[in-house]
Structures are given as C-alpha cells and as structure tokens.
C-alpha cells in the first residue's frame, strides 16, 4: 500500500461532518490525516500518511 494518499473531497452544503466520516474511514484503513487543503467553495484536498 502507498505511504501517502491524496484524496479530493467535496463536503457539499452539508458541512464538515461528511469529511470527518471520510477521515474516520481512512483511519480504519491505516491512514492518518496529514493535511487538509481548502480549495474553492466546498472542495478540499486531503493528504493522508500511512
């Protein structure tokens, strides 16, 4: 498995709760959130490290 994982993410108008659920899913796979980079509107780029 790769040491780093880059995932685009769109929170939508529902807010950051969906992002937290996604981060928890990746944590269950063995990845820790290293950085969250905001883009425009509801778009983010999430960087995970194993």
N, C-alpha and C. Protein backbone atom coordinates (compact mmCIF):
# COMPACT_ATOMS: atom_id res chain seq x y z
N UNK A 1 0.84 -1.18 0.00
CA UNK A 1 0.00 0.00 0.00
C UNK A 1 0.88 1.25 0.00
N UNK A 2 0.42 2.31 -0.63
CA UNK A 2 1.24 3.52 -0.68
C UNK A 2 1.39 4.17 0.69
N UNK A 3 2.52 4.84 0.87
CA UNK A 3 2.77 5.52 2.14
C UNK A 3 1.94 6.79 2.27
N UNK A 4 1.66 7.44 1.13
CA UNK A 4 0.84 8.65 1.12
C UNK A 4 -0.36 8.43 0.23
N UNK A 5 -1.44 9.12 0.55
CA UNK A 5 -2.67 9.03 -0.22
C UNK A 5 -3.23 10.44 -0.36
N UNK A 6 -3.57 10.84 -1.58
CA UNK A 6 -4.15 12.16 -1.84
C UNK A 6 -5.56 11.93 -2.34
N UNK A 7 -6.53 12.55 -1.65
CA UNK A 7 -7.94 12.36 -1.98
C UNK A 7 -8.62 13.71 -2.15
N UNK A 8 -9.23 13.97 -3.31
CA UNK A 8 -10.07 15.16 -3.43
C UNK A 8 -11.37 14.89 -2.66
N UNK A 9 -11.94 15.92 -2.07
CA UNK A 9 -13.16 15.73 -1.30
C UNK A 9 -14.05 16.95 -1.45
N UNK A 10 -15.35 16.70 -1.58
CA UNK A 10 -16.35 17.76 -1.70
C UNK A 10 -17.31 17.62 -0.53
N UNK A 11 -17.29 18.56 0.41
CA UNK A 11 -18.16 18.47 1.58
C UNK A 11 -19.60 18.79 1.23
N UNK A 12 -19.83 19.54 0.17
CA UNK A 12 -21.18 19.93 -0.17
C UNK A 12 -21.75 20.86 0.88
N UNK A 13 -22.99 21.24 0.71
CA UNK A 13 -23.59 22.18 1.66
C UNK A 13 -23.86 21.56 3.04
N UNK A 14 -23.68 20.24 3.18
CA UNK A 14 -23.93 19.56 4.45
C UNK A 14 -22.90 19.87 5.51
N UNK A 15 -21.76 20.38 5.13
CA UNK A 15 -20.76 20.76 6.11
C UNK A 15 -19.65 19.74 6.27
N UNK A 16 -18.91 19.91 7.35
CA UNK A 16 -17.70 19.13 7.57
C UNK A 16 -17.96 17.77 8.21
N UNK A 17 -19.18 17.48 8.61
CA UNK A 17 -19.47 16.17 9.22
C UNK A 17 -19.18 15.03 8.25
N UNK A 18 -19.48 15.23 6.98
CA UNK A 18 -19.20 14.19 5.98
C UNK A 18 -17.69 14.00 5.81
N UNK A 19 -16.93 15.09 5.93
CA UNK A 19 -15.48 14.99 5.83
C UNK A 19 -14.93 14.19 7.01
N UNK A 20 -15.45 14.45 8.20
CA UNK A 20 -14.98 13.72 9.38
C UNK A 20 -15.26 12.23 9.23
N UNK A 21 -16.41 11.87 8.70
CA UNK A 21 -16.74 10.46 8.48
C UNK A 21 -15.76 9.84 7.48
N UNK A 22 -15.41 10.58 6.43
CA UNK A 22 -14.46 10.09 5.43
C UNK A 22 -13.08 9.90 6.06
N UNK A 23 -12.66 10.85 6.88
CA UNK A 23 -11.36 10.75 7.57
C UNK A 23 -11.35 9.53 8.47
N UNK A 24 -12.46 9.27 9.15
CA UNK A 24 -12.55 8.09 10.02
C UNK A 24 -12.45 6.80 9.22
N UNK A 25 -13.05 6.77 8.03
CA UNK A 25 -12.95 5.58 7.16
C UNK A 25 -11.50 5.33 6.77
N UNK A 26 -10.78 6.39 6.41
CA UNK A 26 -9.38 6.24 6.02
C UNK A 26 -8.53 5.83 7.22
N UNK A 27 -8.88 6.32 8.41
CA UNK A 27 -8.16 5.92 9.62
C UNK A 27 -8.33 4.42 9.87
N UNK A 28 -9.50 3.90 9.59
CA UNK A 28 -9.74 2.46 9.74
C UNK A 28 -8.90 1.66 8.75
N UNK A 29 -8.53 2.28 7.63
CA UNK A 29 -7.67 1.63 6.64
C UNK A 29 -6.19 1.81 6.97
N UNK A 30 -5.87 2.54 8.03
CA UNK A 30 -4.49 2.70 8.45
C UNK A 30 -3.85 4.01 8.05
N UNK A 31 -4.62 4.97 7.59
CA UNK A 31 -4.09 6.27 7.19
C UNK A 31 -4.44 7.34 8.22
N UNK A 32 -3.53 8.26 8.46
CA UNK A 32 -3.76 9.40 9.34
C UNK A 32 -3.78 10.66 8.48
N UNK A 33 -4.69 11.55 8.79
CA UNK A 33 -4.76 12.81 8.06
C UNK A 33 -3.50 13.62 8.33
N UNK A 34 -2.79 14.01 7.28
CA UNK A 34 -1.58 14.82 7.42
C UNK A 34 -1.89 16.29 7.17
N UNK A 35 -2.81 16.56 6.21
CA UNK A 35 -3.11 17.94 5.87
C UNK A 35 -4.43 17.99 5.11
N UNK A 36 -5.18 19.06 5.35
CA UNK A 36 -6.41 19.33 4.59
C UNK A 36 -6.23 20.69 3.93
N UNK A 37 -6.27 20.70 2.62
CA UNK A 37 -6.03 21.93 1.86
C UNK A 37 -7.36 22.41 1.27
N UNK A 38 -7.85 23.58 1.69
CA UNK A 38 -9.11 24.09 1.13
C UNK A 38 -8.91 24.57 -0.30
N UNK A 39 -9.89 24.32 -1.11
CA UNK A 39 -9.91 24.84 -2.47
C UNK A 39 -11.08 25.80 -2.56
N UNK A 40 -11.79 25.83 -3.63
CA UNK A 40 -12.90 26.76 -3.76
C UNK A 40 -14.20 26.13 -3.24
N UNK A 41 -15.06 26.95 -2.71
CA UNK A 41 -16.36 26.55 -2.17
C UNK A 41 -16.23 25.40 -1.20
N UNK A 42 -16.78 24.25 -1.56
CA UNK A 42 -16.82 23.10 -0.66
C UNK A 42 -15.75 22.07 -0.98
N UNK A 43 -14.80 22.41 -1.83
CA UNK A 43 -13.80 21.44 -2.29
C UNK A 43 -12.54 21.48 -1.42
N UNK A 44 -12.02 20.30 -1.14
CA UNK A 44 -10.82 20.14 -0.34
C UNK A 44 -9.92 19.10 -1.00
N UNK A 45 -8.65 19.13 -0.66
CA UNK A 45 -7.72 18.06 -0.99
C UNK A 45 -7.19 17.55 0.35
N UNK A 46 -7.39 16.26 0.61
CA UNK A 46 -6.97 15.66 1.87
C UNK A 46 -5.73 14.82 1.62
N UNK A 47 -4.70 15.03 2.42
CA UNK A 47 -3.45 14.27 2.31
C UNK A 47 -3.32 13.38 3.54
N UNK A 48 -3.18 12.09 3.28
CA UNK A 48 -3.09 11.11 4.35
C UNK A 48 -1.72 10.46 4.32
N UNK A 49 -1.25 10.04 5.49
CA UNK A 49 0.02 9.33 5.60
C UNK A 49 -0.23 8.01 6.32
N UNK A 50 0.40 6.97 5.84
CA UNK A 50 0.27 5.66 6.47
C UNK A 50 1.18 5.59 7.65
